[in-house]
Protein backbone atom coordinates (compact mmCIF):
# COMPACT_ATOMS: atom_id res chain seq x y z
CA MET A 1 109.53 111.95 98.77
CA PRO A 2 107.60 115.22 99.10
CA SER A 3 105.71 115.51 102.35
CA THR A 4 101.99 114.74 102.69
CA ASN A 5 99.54 114.48 105.55
CA THR A 6 98.42 110.86 105.60
CA ARG A 7 95.45 109.70 107.69
CA TRP A 8 95.13 106.09 108.72
CA THR A 9 92.14 104.10 110.00
CA THR A 10 92.69 101.32 112.51
CA ALA A 11 91.93 97.65 111.93
CA ALA A 12 88.39 96.60 111.04
CA GLY A 13 86.20 94.65 113.38
CA CYS A 14 87.48 96.27 116.55
CA HIS A 15 85.21 95.09 119.38
CA CYS A 16 86.10 94.82 123.06
CA ALA A 17 89.80 95.37 122.24
CA ARG A 18 89.89 92.69 119.56
CA SER A 19 90.34 92.79 115.80
CA THR A 20 89.57 90.28 113.07
CA GLY A 21 92.69 89.58 111.07
CA GLY A 22 94.35 92.88 111.92
CA ILE A 23 92.38 94.30 108.99
CA VAL A 24 93.19 97.82 107.82
CA THR A 25 90.20 99.41 106.11
CA ALA A 26 91.47 102.85 105.11
CA ILE A 27 94.64 104.81 104.49
CA ASP A 28 93.76 108.34 103.38
CA VAL A 29 96.53 109.93 101.34
CA PRO A 30 96.38 113.41 99.75
CA ASP A 31 97.01 113.90 96.04
CA ARG A 32 99.11 116.68 94.56
CA GLU A 33 96.21 119.09 95.13
CA GLY A 34 95.87 118.11 98.79
CA ASN A 35 92.69 116.06 98.33
CA ALA A 36 92.77 112.90 100.46
CA THR A 37 91.42 109.56 99.23
CA ASN A 38 91.43 106.05 100.70
CA ILE A 39 94.07 104.11 98.76
CA VAL A 40 93.34 100.57 100.04
CA LEU A 41 90.49 98.34 98.88
CA GLY A 42 87.90 97.24 101.41
CA LEU A 43 84.51 95.61 101.84
CA PRO A 44 81.20 97.22 102.87
CA ASP A 45 80.59 95.48 106.21
CA MET A 46 81.95 93.05 108.78
CA HIS A 47 79.88 90.14 107.45
CA GLU A 48 81.67 90.37 104.11
CA TYR A 49 85.06 90.51 105.82
CA GLU A 50 84.22 87.38 107.81
CA THR A 51 82.73 85.31 104.99
CA ARG A 52 84.07 86.38 101.60
CA ASN A 53 87.22 88.40 102.10
CA PRO A 54 90.09 87.64 99.67
CA ASN A 55 92.48 88.81 102.42
CA MET A 56 91.81 92.51 101.82
CA GLY A 57 93.83 94.38 104.42
CA THR A 58 94.51 91.33 106.59
CA LEU A 59 97.55 89.94 108.30
CA VAL A 60 98.43 86.56 106.80
CA GLY A 61 100.10 83.60 108.50
CA ARG A 62 101.11 81.32 110.08
CA TYR A 63 102.66 80.94 106.65
CA ALA A 64 102.00 83.69 104.10
CA ASN A 65 101.72 82.53 100.49
CA ARG A 66 101.56 78.91 99.27
CA ILE A 67 102.82 75.60 100.61
CA ALA A 68 102.75 72.94 97.90
CA GLY A 69 100.51 69.94 98.46
CA GLY A 70 99.50 71.21 101.89
CA ARG A 71 102.41 69.43 103.55
CA PHE A 72 106.01 69.87 104.61
CA GLU A 73 108.65 67.94 106.51
CA LEU A 74 110.49 69.31 109.53
CA ASP A 75 113.04 67.41 111.61
CA GLY A 76 112.00 64.15 109.99
CA GLU A 77 108.27 64.56 110.67
CA THR A 78 105.67 65.27 107.99
CA PHE A 79 102.97 67.80 108.75
CA GLU A 80 99.67 67.79 106.83
CA LEU A 81 97.84 71.10 106.44
CA PRO A 82 94.30 71.84 105.26
CA ARG A 83 94.27 72.76 101.58
CA ASN A 84 92.40 75.89 100.62
CA ASN A 85 93.97 76.76 97.24
CA GLY A 86 93.49 73.73 95.06
CA ALA A 87 96.20 71.30 96.09
CA ASN A 88 97.98 73.97 98.14
CA THR A 89 97.71 75.62 101.52
CA LEU A 90 97.48 79.40 101.07
CA HIS A 91 98.10 82.05 103.74
CA GLY A 92 98.04 79.55 106.61
CA GLY A 93 94.94 77.59 105.62
CA PRO A 94 91.17 78.18 105.58
CA VAL A 95 91.29 79.65 109.10
CA GLY A 96 94.63 81.40 108.86
CA PHE A 97 95.66 84.46 110.81
CA GLY A 98 93.61 86.74 108.53
CA LYS A 99 90.41 85.17 109.90
CA ARG A 100 91.40 85.08 113.57
CA TRP A 101 90.58 87.43 116.41
CA TRP A 102 93.69 89.32 117.49
CA ASP A 103 93.89 91.11 120.82
CA ILE A 104 94.48 94.78 120.13
CA ALA A 105 95.74 97.57 122.35
CA PRO A 106 96.61 101.21 121.65
CA LEU A 107 100.09 102.31 122.70
CA PRO A 108 100.92 105.69 124.24
CA VAL A 109 101.74 108.39 121.73
CA GLY A 110 105.52 108.65 121.60
CA ASP A 111 107.60 111.76 122.06
CA ASP A 112 108.02 111.71 118.28
CA GLY A 113 104.24 111.96 117.81
CA ASN A 114 103.95 108.50 116.27
CA VAL A 115 100.71 106.58 116.89
CA ALA A 116 100.74 102.79 117.31
CA ILE A 117 98.63 99.79 118.17
CA GLU A 118 99.76 96.34 119.28
CA LEU A 119 98.11 93.14 118.02
CA THR A 120 98.75 89.75 119.62
CA LEU A 121 97.64 86.24 118.74
CA ASP A 122 98.23 82.93 120.55
CA SER A 123 98.22 80.17 117.91
CA ALA A 124 97.98 76.71 119.48
CA ASP A 125 100.15 73.71 118.68
CA GLY A 126 98.43 72.02 115.72
CA ASP A 127 96.58 75.18 114.61
CA GLN A 128 95.80 74.54 110.90
CA GLY A 129 98.23 71.62 111.11
CA PHE A 130 101.31 73.67 112.05
CA PRO A 131 103.47 72.43 114.91
CA GLY A 132 104.23 74.46 118.01
CA ARG A 133 102.39 77.04 120.03
CA LEU A 134 103.21 80.32 118.30
CA GLN A 135 102.85 83.62 120.09
CA ALA A 136 102.67 86.32 117.42
CA ASN A 137 102.90 90.06 117.96
CA VAL A 138 102.37 92.75 115.32
CA ARG A 139 102.75 96.48 115.85
CA TYR A 140 101.18 98.98 113.45
CA THR A 141 102.72 102.45 113.69
CA VAL A 142 101.78 105.61 111.82
CA THR A 143 104.76 107.95 111.83
CA GLN A 144 105.11 111.69 111.38
CA GLN A 145 106.94 110.89 108.13
CA ASN A 146 103.72 109.58 106.54
CA GLU A 147 104.71 105.96 107.02
CA TRP A 148 102.81 102.83 107.94
CA ARG A 149 105.36 100.74 109.79
CA ILE A 150 104.68 97.07 110.57
CA ASP A 151 106.86 95.24 113.09
CA TYR A 152 106.34 91.47 113.39
CA THR A 153 107.70 89.27 116.18
CA ALA A 154 106.95 85.68 117.17
CA SER A 155 108.19 82.89 119.41
CA THR A 156 107.42 79.19 119.62
CA ASP A 157 107.70 76.30 122.07
CA ARG A 158 108.37 73.75 119.28
CA ALA A 159 110.13 73.90 115.92
CA THR A 160 107.76 75.34 113.31
CA VAL A 161 107.72 77.46 110.16
CA VAL A 162 106.71 81.12 110.16
CA ASN A 163 106.14 83.64 107.39
CA LEU A 164 104.04 86.68 108.31
CA SER A 165 102.90 89.45 105.98
CA GLN A 166 100.23 92.08 105.36
CA HIS A 167 97.83 91.69 102.43
CA ALA A 168 96.58 95.21 101.74
CA TYR A 169 95.33 95.86 98.19
CA PHE A 170 96.57 99.30 97.12
CA ASN A 171 95.13 101.62 94.48
CA LEU A 172 96.83 105.00 94.67
CA ALA A 173 94.12 106.62 92.54
CA GLY A 174 91.46 105.41 94.97
CA HIS A 175 89.35 103.93 92.16
CA GLY A 176 89.58 102.26 88.76
CA SER A 177 92.41 100.06 87.54
CA ILE A 178 96.02 99.90 88.74
CA LEU A 179 97.34 99.11 85.24
CA ASP A 180 98.42 102.73 84.72
CA HIS A 181 100.34 102.74 88.01
CA ARG A 182 104.11 102.72 87.52
CA LEU A 183 106.12 100.17 89.48
CA GLN A 184 109.79 99.68 90.27
CA ILE A 185 111.17 96.62 92.10
CA ALA A 186 114.78 96.26 93.21
CA ALA A 187 115.16 92.68 92.00
CA ALA A 188 117.15 91.09 89.19
CA ARG A 189 115.55 87.68 89.80
CA TYR A 190 112.12 86.20 90.38
CA CYS A 191 110.51 82.80 90.95
CA PRO A 192 108.72 81.32 87.94
CA VAL A 193 105.82 79.08 88.94
CA ASP A 194 104.04 75.91 87.86
CA ALA A 195 100.33 75.59 87.04
CA ASN A 196 99.54 75.62 90.79
CA LEU A 197 101.57 78.85 91.26
CA ILE A 198 104.27 77.00 93.19
CA PRO A 199 107.84 78.23 92.54
CA LEU A 200 109.94 76.13 90.17
CA GLY A 201 113.18 77.84 91.13
CA ILE A 202 114.80 81.21 90.47
CA ASP A 203 115.31 82.92 87.08
CA ASP A 204 116.65 86.25 85.85
CA VAL A 205 114.10 88.95 85.04
CA ASP A 206 116.20 90.22 82.16
CA GLY A 207 114.26 90.20 78.89
CA THR A 208 110.95 89.21 80.54
CA PRO A 209 107.77 91.05 81.60
CA PHE A 210 109.06 90.61 85.17
CA ASP A 211 111.82 93.19 84.79
CA PHE A 212 110.70 96.14 86.92
CA ARG A 213 114.19 97.39 87.71
CA ALA A 214 113.25 100.61 85.92
CA MET A 215 109.95 102.37 86.59
CA THR A 216 107.40 100.69 84.29
CA PRO A 217 103.60 100.91 83.91
CA ILE A 218 102.07 97.74 85.34
CA GLY A 219 99.89 97.31 82.26
CA ALA A 220 102.75 97.72 79.78
CA ARG A 221 103.45 93.97 79.50
CA ILE A 222 100.67 92.31 81.48
CA ARG A 223 98.91 91.13 78.31
CA GLU A 224 102.00 89.59 76.74
CA ALA A 225 101.62 85.89 75.95
CA HIS A 226 104.52 85.02 78.23
CA PRO A 227 103.96 81.55 79.75
CA GLN A 228 104.30 82.88 83.29
CA ILE A 229 101.82 85.71 82.70
CA LEU A 230 99.34 83.22 81.24
CA LEU A 231 99.68 80.80 84.17
CA ALA A 232 99.00 83.48 86.79
CA ARG A 233 96.56 85.56 84.69
CA GLY A 234 98.92 88.44 85.30
CA TYR A 235 101.47 88.96 88.07
CA ASP A 236 101.34 86.70 91.13
CA HIS A 237 105.01 85.93 91.67
CA ASN A 238 107.79 86.29 94.19
CA TRP A 239 110.62 88.67 93.37
CA VAL A 240 114.00 87.77 94.87
CA LEU A 241 114.97 91.12 96.29
CA ASP A 242 118.46 92.41 95.72
CA PRO A 243 120.50 91.98 98.89
CA ALA A 244 121.03 94.98 101.10
CA PRO A 245 124.56 96.41 101.38
CA GLY A 246 124.09 96.21 105.14
CA ALA A 247 121.65 94.81 107.67
CA GLY A 248 118.26 96.37 108.18
CA LEU A 249 115.62 98.04 106.07
CA ARG A 250 116.18 98.90 102.43
CA LEU A 251 114.03 100.39 99.68
CA VAL A 252 112.71 97.49 97.58
CA ALA A 253 109.80 98.93 95.58
CA ARG A 254 108.18 102.18 94.53
CA VAL A 255 104.73 102.76 93.02
CA GLU A 256 103.56 105.97 91.34
CA GLU A 257 100.09 106.97 90.12
CA PRO A 258 100.56 109.74 87.55
CA GLY A 259 96.98 111.05 87.61
CA SER A 260 96.87 111.88 91.31
CA GLY A 261 100.59 112.30 91.85
CA ARG A 262 100.53 109.88 94.77
CA ALA A 263 103.52 107.61 95.37
CA MET A 264 104.37 104.81 97.76
CA GLU A 265 107.70 103.28 98.73
CA VAL A 266 108.17 99.85 100.28
CA HIS A 267 111.07 99.30 102.68
CA THR A 268 111.72 95.91 104.27
CA ASP A 269 114.30 93.54 105.70
CA GLN A 270 112.67 90.51 104.06
CA PRO A 271 114.24 88.53 101.17
CA GLY A 272 111.15 88.39 98.94
CA LEU A 273 108.31 90.51 97.58
CA GLN A 274 105.11 88.98 96.22
CA PHE A 275 103.65 91.33 93.62
CA TYR A 276 100.02 90.42 92.92
CA SER A 277 98.08 92.42 90.34
CA GLY A 278 94.61 91.43 91.57
CA ASN A 279 94.14 88.79 88.87
CA PHE A 280 91.48 86.79 90.69
CA LEU A 281 89.21 89.69 91.62
CA ASP A 282 86.25 88.70 89.47
CA GLY A 283 83.52 91.28 90.10
CA THR A 284 81.54 89.12 92.51
CA LEU A 285 82.41 91.34 95.49
CA ALA A 286 81.24 94.87 96.14
CA GLY A 287 83.85 97.19 97.56
CA ALA A 288 83.41 99.65 100.39
CA ASN A 289 82.58 102.32 97.79
CA GLY A 290 79.66 100.25 96.46
CA GLN A 291 81.40 99.42 93.18
CA ALA A 292 82.14 95.88 92.01
CA VAL A 293 85.76 94.92 92.61
CA ARG A 294 87.21 93.64 89.35
CA GLN A 295 90.46 92.24 88.02
CA GLY A 296 93.27 94.76 88.34
CA ASP A 297 91.46 97.09 90.74
CA GLY A 298 94.18 96.70 93.37
CA LEU A 299 97.75 95.52 93.76
CA CYS A 300 99.50 93.78 96.63
CA LEU A 301 103.17 94.16 97.54
CA GLU A 302 103.62 91.51 100.22
CA THR A 303 107.03 91.49 101.88
CA GLN A 304 107.87 87.95 102.98
CA HIS A 305 109.97 84.84 102.59
CA PHE A 306 109.57 82.84 99.41
CA PRO A 307 106.51 80.68 98.72
CA ASP A 308 106.91 76.97 99.58
CA SER A 309 110.18 77.57 101.44
CA PRO A 310 109.41 74.75 103.93
CA ASN A 311 109.80 72.34 100.99
CA ARG A 312 112.82 74.03 99.40
CA SER A 313 116.25 73.70 100.95
CA ASP A 314 117.59 76.15 98.33
CA PHE A 315 115.34 78.97 99.59
CA PRO A 316 115.98 81.03 102.74
CA SER A 317 114.80 79.07 105.77
CA THR A 318 111.54 79.90 107.53
CA VAL A 319 112.14 77.55 110.46
CA LEU A 320 111.70 79.00 113.95
CA ARG A 321 112.87 77.04 116.97
CA PRO A 322 112.31 77.40 120.72
CA GLY A 323 114.51 80.12 122.17
CA GLU A 324 114.67 81.95 118.85
CA ARG A 325 112.76 85.12 117.99
CA TYR A 326 111.13 85.80 114.66
CA ALA A 327 111.44 89.50 113.86
CA SER A 328 110.72 91.46 110.70
CA THR A 329 109.84 95.02 109.72
CA THR A 330 108.18 96.56 106.68
CA VAL A 331 107.48 100.24 106.07
CA TYR A 332 105.07 101.66 103.49
CA ARG A 333 105.97 105.32 102.96
CA PHE A 334 103.48 107.63 101.24
CA GLY A 335 104.19 110.82 99.35
CA LEU A 336 104.05 112.43 95.93
CA CYS A 337 105.72 111.77 92.61
CA SER A 338 108.65 113.99 91.80
CA PRO A 339 107.64 116.99 89.66
């Protein structure tokens, strides 16, 4: 991608070396003319982040996405979770990681010039119903290659389930709708959902509005009367990412905004990508720019394991046991569209 000079603002709510939810409030990215604009949605003040935030810019866990019925079974024991999304538990429950105070510490600038902060959270056994004391660590790094790199690690003293992600809402124009953004996802399959947005299984994207294997405007098929589009009011589904030819990071998605020329790549080692087109943004919140935040004003590309994996033996496991180490990396790389 052509080079840019991206500026990044640290997590919101920083106070006495702590941060609420690891929130990122601004990523300033230049357009093709060199004019920088914040390309993530935010809220006007800390009170709004604490009381009404639909996970804008937050870390999400202990389990990102939905767990059906607010319960799962592990090693023969059933665990009941608080339900905060109808019958489901979403993003770890009503007081998930996006609403928690994380300890935050700046790291020394590396020889490569990269700037990083470290966020840590100690989640007690029974926190939001999840078993095991989980010690979570997240590192945000801004690289000289115009990347936002997120490294997640965690350990536990009792078998549990873990699925960590970042819930930034992106708008590469900095304003207006994302329906003219072009999107490409390296996935031949996705998870259709039921009326509660719980996966039913895995289907091919071929011949559906979920085929983003070629660069496609997000709005091109979002108003089709496809049953899955109608259920979710747009896109709010997990894409089963094509496997990497080798271990490690691979390019899984690319977004382009033709008007500004801005582009973003997503690289990850995770098996799934939740693409959410901001369907439930209903205009009742004011954004940081003072404008009402409405449906389709931002998009999320959440790298993660599949929704409801703790209840699905056919999905990749999210179980973490004592002595094991949860580790995952995602990189958002910013640049310009090709001429």
